């Protein structure tokens, strides 16, 4: 039996002071954004006028580096931007 190959997308949420944020690194490529040298999408978000929070995040005390973090509203705005 053959099963179709299904691409998956994992989205992490970061909670800061009760507000959920989505790291742009988790979805930028699927939206057609161009990544910066460090793999994040801060320049593309800035160019598109999409607000974000720039913070270093950690996963179980392991530094993951700086990330552009978006609220749900900012994420929806990023989805609506036609990036070619």
PDB file of N, CA and C in Angstrom:
ATOM      1  N   UNK A   1       0.837  -1.166   0.000  1.00  0.00           N
ATOM      2  CA  UNK A   1       0.000   0.000   0.000  1.00  0.00           C
ATOM      3  C   UNK A   1       0.894   1.245   0.000  1.00  0.00           C
ATOM      4  N   UNK A   2       0.621   2.165  -0.875  1.00  0.00           N
ATOM      5  CA  UNK A   2       1.390   3.408  -0.956  1.00  0.00           C
ATOM      6  C   UNK A   2       0.640   4.537  -0.268  1.00  0.00           C
ATOM      7  N   UNK A   3       1.366   5.257   0.535  1.00  0.00           N
ATOM      8  CA  UNK A   3       0.792   6.420   1.203  1.00  0.00           C
ATOM      9  C   UNK A   3       1.426   7.676   0.614  1.00  0.00           C
ATOM     10  N   UNK A   4       0.653   8.715   0.442  1.00  0.00           N
ATOM     11  CA  UNK A   4       1.227   9.947  -0.109  1.00  0.00           C
ATOM     12  C   UNK A   4       2.175  10.597   0.893  1.00  0.00           C
ATOM     13  N   UNK A   5       3.193  11.238   0.362  1.00  0.00           N
ATOM     14  CA  UNK A   5       4.125  11.990   1.209  1.00  0.00           C
ATOM     15  C   UNK A   5       3.461  13.308   1.592  1.00  0.00           C
ATOM     16  N   UNK A   6       3.308  13.532   2.867  1.00  0.00           N
ATOM     17  CA  UNK A   6       2.654  14.741   3.359  1.00  0.00           C
ATOM     18  C   UNK A   6       3.686  15.580   4.101  1.00  0.00           C
ATOM     19  N   UNK A   7       3.877  16.804   3.636  1.00  0.00           N
ATOM     20  CA  UNK A   7       4.794  17.706   4.330  1.00  0.00           C
ATOM     21  C   UNK A   7       4.118  18.216   5.598  1.00  0.00           C
ATOM     22  N   UNK A   8       4.888  18.282   6.654  1.00  0.00           N
ATOM     23  CA  UNK A   8       4.354  18.793   7.912  1.00  0.00           C
ATOM     24  C   UNK A   8       5.056  20.095   8.275  1.00  0.00           C
ATOM     25  N   UNK A   9       4.405  20.864   9.087  1.00  0.00           N
ATOM     26  CA  UNK A   9       4.946  22.129   9.560  1.00  0.00           C
ATOM     27  C   UNK A   9       4.766  22.163  11.068  1.00  0.00           C
ATOM     28  N   UNK A  10       5.859  22.332  11.775  1.00  0.00           N
ATOM     29  CA  UNK A  10       5.812  22.431  13.227  1.00  0.00           C
ATOM     30  C   UNK A  10       5.912  23.900  13.612  1.00  0.00           C
ATOM     31  N   UNK A  11       4.970  24.351  14.382  1.00  0.00           N
ATOM     32  CA  UNK A  11       4.995  25.733  14.847  1.00  0.00           C
ATOM     33  C   UNK A  11       5.078  25.726  16.368  1.00  0.00           C
ATOM     34  N   UNK A  12       6.086  26.408  16.883  1.00  0.00           N
ATOM     35  CA  UNK A  12       6.245  26.534  18.330  1.00  0.00           C
ATOM     36  C   UNK A  12       5.613  27.840  18.780  1.00  0.00           C
ATOM     37  N   UNK A  13       5.184  27.876  20.010  1.00  0.00           N
ATOM     38  CA  UNK A  13       4.657  29.096  20.605  1.00  0.00           C
ATOM     39  C   UNK A  13       5.528  29.456  21.794  1.00  0.00           C
ATOM     40  N   UNK A  14       5.774  30.739  21.956  1.00  0.00           N
ATOM     41  CA  UNK A  14       6.518  31.268  23.091  1.00  0.00           C
ATOM     42  C   UNK A  14       5.556  32.169  23.847  1.00  0.00           C
ATOM     43  N   UNK A  15       5.414  31.936  25.147  1.00  0.00           N
ATOM     44  CA  UNK A  15       4.515  32.777  25.937  1.00  0.00           C
ATOM     45  C   UNK A  15       5.334  33.753  26.768  1.00  0.00           C
ATOM     46  N   UNK A  16       5.022  35.041  26.612  1.00  0.00           N
ATOM     47  CA  UNK A  16       5.694  36.096  27.368  1.00  0.00           C
ATOM     48  C   UNK A  16       4.615  36.972  27.981  1.00  0.00           C
ATOM     49  N   UNK A  17       4.602  37.032  29.296  1.00  0.00           N
ATOM     50  CA  UNK A  17       3.619  37.849  30.025  1.00  0.00           C
ATOM     51  C   UNK A  17       2.187  37.575  29.571  1.00  0.00           C
ATOM     52  N   UNK A  18       1.869  36.308  29.348  1.00  0.00           N
ATOM     53  CA  UNK A  18       0.508  35.921  28.988  1.00  0.00           C
ATOM     54  C   UNK A  18       0.155  36.073  27.520  1.00  0.00           C
ATOM     55  N   UNK A  19       1.087  36.546  26.696  1.00  0.00           N
ATOM     56  CA  UNK A  19       0.836  36.691  25.264  1.00  0.00           C
ATOM     57  C   UNK A  19       1.610  35.620  24.511  1.00  0.00           C
ATOM     58  N   UNK A  20       0.937  34.917  23.603  1.00  0.00           N
ATOM     59  CA  UNK A  20       1.583  33.879  22.802  1.00  0.00           C
ATOM     60  C   UNK A  20       2.229  34.505  21.569  1.00  0.00           C
ATOM     61  N   UNK A  21       3.449  34.082  21.296  1.00  0.00           N
ATOM     62  CA  UNK A  21       4.193  34.533  20.124  1.00  0.00           C
ATOM     63  C   UNK A  21       4.598  33.318  19.303  1.00  0.00           C
ATOM     64  N   UNK A  22       4.741  33.524  18.002  1.00  0.00           N
ATOM     65  CA  UNK A  22       5.164  32.471  17.088  1.00  0.00           C
ATOM     66  C   UNK A  22       6.526  32.881  16.527  1.00  0.00           C
ATOM     67  N   UNK A  23       7.567  32.034  16.654  1.00  0.00           N
ATOM     68  CA  UNK A  23       8.863  32.374  16.061  1.00  0.00           C
ATOM     69  C   UNK A  23       8.772  32.394  14.531  1.00  0.00           C
ATOM     70  N   UNK A  24       9.215  33.484  13.928  1.00  0.00           N
ATOM     71  CA  UNK A  24       9.155  33.617  12.467  1.00  0.00           C
ATOM     72  C   UNK A  24       9.969  32.533  11.772  1.00  0.00           C
ATOM     73  N   UNK A  25      10.997  32.049  12.430  1.00  0.00           N
ATOM     74  CA  UNK A  25      11.854  31.015  11.849  1.00  0.00           C
ATOM     75  C   UNK A  25      11.064  29.743  11.524  1.00  0.00           C
ATOM     76  N   UNK A  26       9.967  29.512  12.234  1.00  0.00           N
ATOM     77  CA  UNK A  26       9.185  28.292  12.033  1.00  0.00           C
ATOM     78  C   UNK A  26       8.318  28.324  10.782  1.00  0.00           C
ATOM     79  N   UNK A  27       8.035  29.491  10.242  1.00  0.00           N
ATOM     80  CA  UNK A  27       7.109  29.543   9.104  1.00  0.00           C
ATOM     81  C   UNK A  27       7.566  30.437   7.960  1.00  0.00           C
ATOM     82  N   UNK A  28       8.644  31.180   8.128  1.00  0.00           N
ATOM     83  CA  UNK A  28       9.065  32.156   7.126  1.00  0.00           C
ATOM     84  C   UNK A  28       9.248  31.584   5.732  1.00  0.00           C
ATOM     85  N   UNK A  29       9.902  30.442   5.638  1.00  0.00           N
ATOM     86  CA  UNK A  29      10.145  29.842   4.327  1.00  0.00           C
ATOM     87  C   UNK A  29       8.845  29.445   3.644  1.00  0.00           C
ATOM     88  N   UNK A  30       7.909  28.889   4.401  1.00  0.00           N
ATOM     89  CA  UNK A  30       6.639  28.461   3.798  1.00  0.00           C
ATOM     90  C   UNK A  30       5.813  29.642   3.306  1.00  0.00           C
ATOM     91  N   UNK A  31       6.101  30.845   3.818  1.00  0.00           N
ATOM     92  CA  UNK A  31       5.408  32.049   3.364  1.00  0.00           C
ATOM     93  C   UNK A  31       6.158  32.758   2.242  1.00  0.00           C
ATOM     94  N   UNK A  32       7.299  32.212   1.852  1.00  0.00           N
ATOM     95  CA  UNK A  32       8.066  32.811   0.772  1.00  0.00           C
ATOM     96  C   UNK A  32       8.945  33.967   1.195  1.00  0.00           C
ATOM     97  N   UNK A  33       9.186  34.106   2.502  1.00  0.00           N
ATOM     98  CA  UNK A  33      10.058  35.176   2.992  1.00  0.00           C
ATOM     99  C   UNK A  33      11.520  34.779   2.788  1.00  0.00           C
ATOM    100  N   UNK A  34      12.381  35.755   2.634  1.00  0.00           N
ATOM    101  CA  UNK A  34      13.810  35.511   2.467  1.00  0.00           C
ATOM    102  C   UNK A  34      14.482  35.580   3.828  1.00  0.00           C
ATOM    103  N   UNK A  35      15.224  34.521   4.165  1.00  0.00           N
ATOM    104  CA  UNK A  35      15.876  34.442   5.476  1.00  0.00           C
ATOM    105  C   UNK A  35      17.139  35.288   5.520  1.00  0.00           C
ATOM    106  N   UNK A  36      17.433  35.804   6.713  1.00  0.00           N
ATOM    107  CA  UNK A  36      18.700  36.483   6.965  1.00  0.00           C
ATOM    108  C   UNK A  36      19.804  35.428   7.060  1.00  0.00           C
ATOM    109  N   UNK A  37      21.053  35.868   7.186  1.00  0.00           N
ATOM    110  CA  UNK A  37      22.176  34.934   7.281  1.00  0.00           C
ATOM    111  C   UNK A  37      22.057  33.985   8.462  1.00  0.00           C
ATOM    112  N   UNK A  38      21.427  34.436   9.552  1.00  0.00           N
ATOM    113  CA  UNK A  38      21.294  33.588  10.740  1.00  0.00           C
ATOM    114  C   UNK A  38      20.072  32.675  10.678  1.00  0.00           C
ATOM    115  N   UNK A  39      19.345  32.687   9.562  1.00  0.00           N
ATOM    116  CA  UNK A  39      18.193  31.807   9.396  1.00  0.00           C
ATOM    117  C   UNK A  39      16.882  32.389   9.871  1.00  0.00           C
ATOM    118  N   UNK A  40      16.913  33.589  10.423  1.00  0.00           N
ATOM    119  CA  UNK A  40      15.684  34.224  10.873  1.00  0.00           C
ATOM    120  C   UNK A  40      15.182  35.157   9.768  1.00  0.00           C
ATOM    121  N   UNK A  41      14.081  35.827   9.993  1.00  0.00           N
ATOM    122  CA  UNK A  41      13.427  36.604   8.937  1.00  0.00           C
ATOM    123  C   UNK A  41      13.203  38.062   9.327  1.00  0.00           C
ATOM    124  N   UNK A  42      14.045  38.600  10.209  1.00  0.00           N
ATOM    125  CA  UNK A  42      13.842  39.963  10.690  1.00  0.00           C
ATOM    126  C   UNK A  42      13.868  40.995   9.562  1.00  0.00           C
ATOM    127  N   UNK A  43      14.806  40.876   8.641  1.00  0.00           N
ATOM    128  CA  UNK A  43      14.902  41.849   7.542  1.00  0.00           C
ATOM    129  C   UNK A  43      13.672  41.810   6.647  1.00  0.00           C
ATOM    130  N   UNK A  44      13.201  40.608   6.313  1.00  0.00           N
ATOM    131  CA  UNK A  44      12.018  40.477   5.453  1.00  0.00           C
ATOM    132  C   UNK A  44      10.782  41.031   6.148  1.00  0.00           C
ATOM    133  N   UNK A  45      10.659  40.792   7.449  1.00  0.00           N
ATOM    134  CA  UNK A  45       9.517  41.314   8.195  1.00  0.00           C
ATOM    135  C   UNK A  45       9.574  42.837   8.272  1.00  0.00           C
ATOM    136  N   UNK A  46      10.761  43.372   8.515  1.00  0.00           N
ATOM    137  CA  UNK A  46      10.924  44.829   8.569  1.00  0.00           C
ATOM    138  C   UNK A  46      10.577  45.450   7.221  1.00  0.00           C
ATOM    139  N   UNK A  47      11.081  44.856   6.149  1.00  0.00           N
ATOM    140  CA  UNK A  47      10.812  45.359   4.796  1.00  0.00           C
ATOM    141  C   UNK A  47       9.319  45.361   4.479  1.00  0.00           C
ATOM    142  N   UNK A  48       8.604  44.346   4.964  1.00  0.00           N
ATOM    143  CA  UNK A  48       7.165  44.237   4.700  1.00  0.00           C
ATOM    144  C   UNK A  48       6.332  45.067   5.671  1.00  0.00           C
ATOM    145  N   UNK A  49       6.982  45.692   6.666  1.00  0.00           N
ATOM    146  CA  UNK A  49       6.248  46.508   7.629  1.00  0.00           C
ATOM    147  C   UNK A  49       5.474  45.699   8.650  1.00  0.00           C
ATOM    148  N   UNK A  50       5.918  44.476   8.896  1.00  0.00           N
ATOM    149  CA  UNK A  50       5.245  43.600   9.859  1.00  0.00           C
ATOM    150  C   UNK A  50       5.955  43.731  11.206  1.00  0.00           C
ATOM    151  N   UNK A  51       5.237  44.141  12.257  1.00  0.00           N
ATOM    152  CA  UNK A  51       5.873  44.305  13.568  1.00  0.00           C
ATOM    153  C   UNK A  51       6.224  42.950  14.184  1.00  0.00           C
ATOM    154  N   UNK A  52       7.316  42.928  14.940  1.00  0.00           N
ATOM    155  CA  UNK A  52       7.732  41.708  15.632  1.00  0.00           C
ATOM    156  C   UNK A  52       8.522  42.098  16.872  1.00  0.00           C
ATOM    157  N   UNK A  53       8.686  41.143  17.767  1.00  0.00           N
ATOM    158  CA  UNK A  53       9.510  41.315  18.957  1.00  0.00           C
ATOM    159  C   UNK A  53      10.793  40.535  18.730  1.00  0.00           C
ATOM    160  N   UNK A  54      11.929  41.158  18.935  1.00  0.00           N
ATOM    161  CA  UNK A  54      13.226  40.525  18.699  1.00  0.00           C
ATOM    162  C   UNK A  54      13.829  40.135  20.042  1.00  0.00           C
ATOM    163  N   UNK A  55      13.833  38.841  20.346  1.00  0.00           N
ATOM    164  CA  UNK A  55      14.360  38.343  21.617  1.00  0.00           C
ATOM    165  C   UNK A  55      15.173  37.078  21.410  1.00  0.00           C
ATOM    166  N   UNK A  56      16.101  36.833  22.324  1.00  0.00           N
ATOM    167  CA  UNK A  56      16.794  35.550  22.358  1.00  0.00           C
ATOM    168  C   UNK A  56      15.906  34.582  23.128  1.00  0.00           C
ATOM    169  N   UNK A  57      15.721  33.382  22.596  1.00  0.00           N
ATOM    170  CA  UNK A  57      14.901  32.399  23.296  1.00  0.00           C
ATOM    171  C   UNK A  57      15.730  31.162  23.612  1.00  0.00           C
ATOM    172  N   UNK A  58      15.269  30.427  24.603  1.00  0.00           N
ATOM    173  CA  UNK A  58      15.966  29.242  25.082  1.00  0.00           C
ATOM    174  C   UNK A  58      14.996  28.071  25.093  1.00  0.00           C
ATOM    175  N   UNK A  59      15.526  26.877  24.868  1.00  0.00           N
ATOM    176  CA  UNK A  59      14.743  25.653  24.961  1.00  0.00           C
ATOM    177  C   UNK A  59      15.423  24.766  25.992  1.00  0.00           C
ATOM    178  N   UNK A  60      14.828  24.630  27.142  1.00  0.00           N
ATOM    179  CA  UNK A  60      15.374  23.841  28.237  1.00  0.00           C
ATOM    180  C   UNK A  60      16.824  24.240  28.527  1.00  0.00           C
ATOM    181  N   UNK A  61      17.041  25.522  28.724  1.00  0.00           N
ATOM    182  CA  UNK A  61      18.338  26.114  29.049  1.00  0.00           C
ATOM    183  C   UNK A  61      19.349  26.088  27.907  1.00  0.00           C
ATOM    184  N   UNK A  62      18.947  25.628  26.728  1.00  0.00           N
ATOM    185  CA  UNK A  62      19.803  25.678  25.549  1.00  0.00           C
ATOM    186  C   UNK A  62      19.462  26.931  24.755  1.00  0.00           C
ATOM    187  N   UNK A  63      20.436  27.821  24.531  1.00  0.00           N
ATOM    188  CA  UNK A  63      20.119  29.028  23.759  1.00  0.00           C
ATOM    189  C   UNK A  63      19.835  28.688  22.301  1.00  0.00           C
ATOM    190  N   UNK A  64      18.731  29.203  21.791  1.00  0.00           N
ATOM    191  CA  UNK A  64      18.374  29.017  20.390  1.00  0.00           C
ATOM    192  C   UNK A  64      18.721  30.252  19.572  1.00  0.00           C
ATOM    193  N   UNK A  65      19.166  31.298  20.239  1.00  0.00           N
ATOM    194  CA  UNK A  65      19.576  32.507  19.548  1.00  0.00           C
ATOM    195  C   UNK A  65      18.461  33.515  19.401  1.00  0.00           C
ATOM    196  N   UNK A  66      18.767  34.611  18.696  1.00  0.00           N
ATOM    197  CA  UNK A  66      17.760  35.653  18.507  1.00  0.00           C
ATOM    198  C   UNK A  66      16.673  35.194  17.545  1.00  0.00           C
ATOM    199  N   UNK A  67      15.462  35.564  17.857  1.00  0.00           N
ATOM    200  CA  UNK A  67      14.322  35.195  17.020  1.00  0.00           C
ATOM    201  C   UNK A  67      13.376  36.373  16.896  1.00  0.00           C
ATOM    202  N   UNK A  68      12.799  36.509  15.713  1.00  0.00           N
ATOM    203  CA  UNK A  68      11.687  37.437  15.526  1.00  0.00           C
ATOM    204  C   UNK A  68      10.443  36.698  15.991  1.00  0.00           C
ATOM    205  N   UNK A  69       9.740  37.263  16.960  1.00  0.00           N
ATOM    206  CA  UNK A  69       8.540  36.644  17.512  1.00  0.00           C
ATOM    207  C   UNK A  69       7.334  37.472  17.105  1.00  0.00           C
ATOM    208  N   UNK A  70       6.297  36.806  16.606  1.00  0.00           N
ATOM    209  CA  UNK A  70       5.104  37.497  16.144  1.00  0.00           C
ATOM    210  C   UNK A  70       3.892  37.082  16.950  1.00  0.00           C
ATOM    211  N   UNK A  71       3.012  38.046  17.210  1.00  0.00           N
ATOM    212  CA  UNK A  71       1.719  37.722  17.804  1.00  0.00           C
ATOM    213  C   UNK A  71       0.864  37.074  16.715  1.00  0.00           C
ATOM    214  N   UNK A  72      -0.287  36.549  17.084  1.00  0.00           N
ATOM    215  CA  UNK A  72      -1.169  35.935  16.093  1.00  0.00           C
ATOM    216  C   UNK A  72      -1.591  36.945  15.028  1.00  0.00           C
ATOM    217  N   UNK A  73      -1.886  38.174  15.443  1.00  0.00           N
ATOM    218  CA  UNK A  73      -2.291  39.206  14.478  1.00  0.00           C
ATOM    219  C   UNK A  73      -1.155  39.520  13.507  1.00  0.00           C
ATOM    220  N   UNK A  74       0.081  39.598  14.020  1.00  0.00           N
ATOM    221  CA  UNK A  74       1.230  39.859  13.151  1.00  0.00           C
ATOM    222  C   UNK A  74       1.477  38.677  12.212  1.00  0.00           C
ATOM    223  N   UNK A  75       1.288  37.457  12.729  1.00  0.00           N
ATOM    224  CA  UNK A  75       1.419  36.258  11.896  1.00  0.00           C
ATOM    225  C   UNK A  75       0.405  36.294  10.759  1.00  0.00           C
ATOM    226  N   UNK A  76      -0.835  36.652  11.069  1.00  0.00           N
ATOM    227  CA  UNK A  76      -1.867  36.737  10.026  1.00  0.00           C
ATOM    228  C   UNK A  76      -1.524  37.807   9.000  1.00  0.00           C
ATOM    229  N   UNK A  77      -0.935  38.912   9.448  1.00  0.00           N
ATOM    230  CA  UNK A  77      -0.501  39.952   8.514  1.00  0.00           C
ATOM    231  C   UNK A  77       0.611  39.406   7.612  1.00  0.00           C
ATOM    232  N   UNK A  78       1.540  38.655   8.178  1.00  0.00           N
ATOM    233  CA  UNK A  78       2.628  38.070   7.388  1.00  0.00           C
ATOM    234  C   UNK A  78       2.086  37.083   6.356  1.00  0.00           C
ATOM    235  N   UNK A  79       1.063  36.329   6.723  1.00  0.00           N
ATOM    236  CA  UNK A  79       0.456  35.379   5.776  1.00  0.00           C
ATOM    237  C   UNK A  79      -0.174  36.089   4.601  1.00  0.00           C
ATOM    238  N   UNK A  80      -0.670  37.300   4.821  1.00  0.00           N
ATOM    239  CA  UNK A  80      -1.380  38.010   3.760  1.00  0.00           C
ATOM    240  C   UNK A  80      -0.439  38.743   2.803  1.00  0.00           C
ATOM    241  N   UNK A  81       0.835  38.842   3.159  1.00  0.00           N
ATOM    242  CA  UNK A  81       1.800  39.526   2.298  1.00  0.00           C
ATOM    243  C   UNK A  81       2.167  38.600   1.142  1.00  0.00           C
ATOM    244  N   UNK A  82       2.008  39.085  -0.075  1.00  0.00           N
ATOM    245  CA  UNK A  82       2.361  38.292  -1.252  1.00  0.00           C
ATOM    246  C   UNK A  82       3.845  38.477  -1.515  1.00  0.00           C
ATOM    247  N   UNK A  83       4.611  37.417  -1.295  1.00  0.00           N
ATOM    248  CA  UNK A  83       6.067  37.499  -1.450  1.00  0.00           C
ATOM    249  C   UNK A  83       6.540  36.778  -2.707  1.00  0.00           C
ATOM    250  N   UNK A  84       5.930  37.036  -3.827  1.00  0.00           N
ATOM    251  CA  UNK A  84       6.413  36.561  -5.103  1.00  0.00           C
ATOM    252  C   UNK A  84       6.076  35.183  -5.425  1.00  0.00           C
TER     253      UNK A  84
END
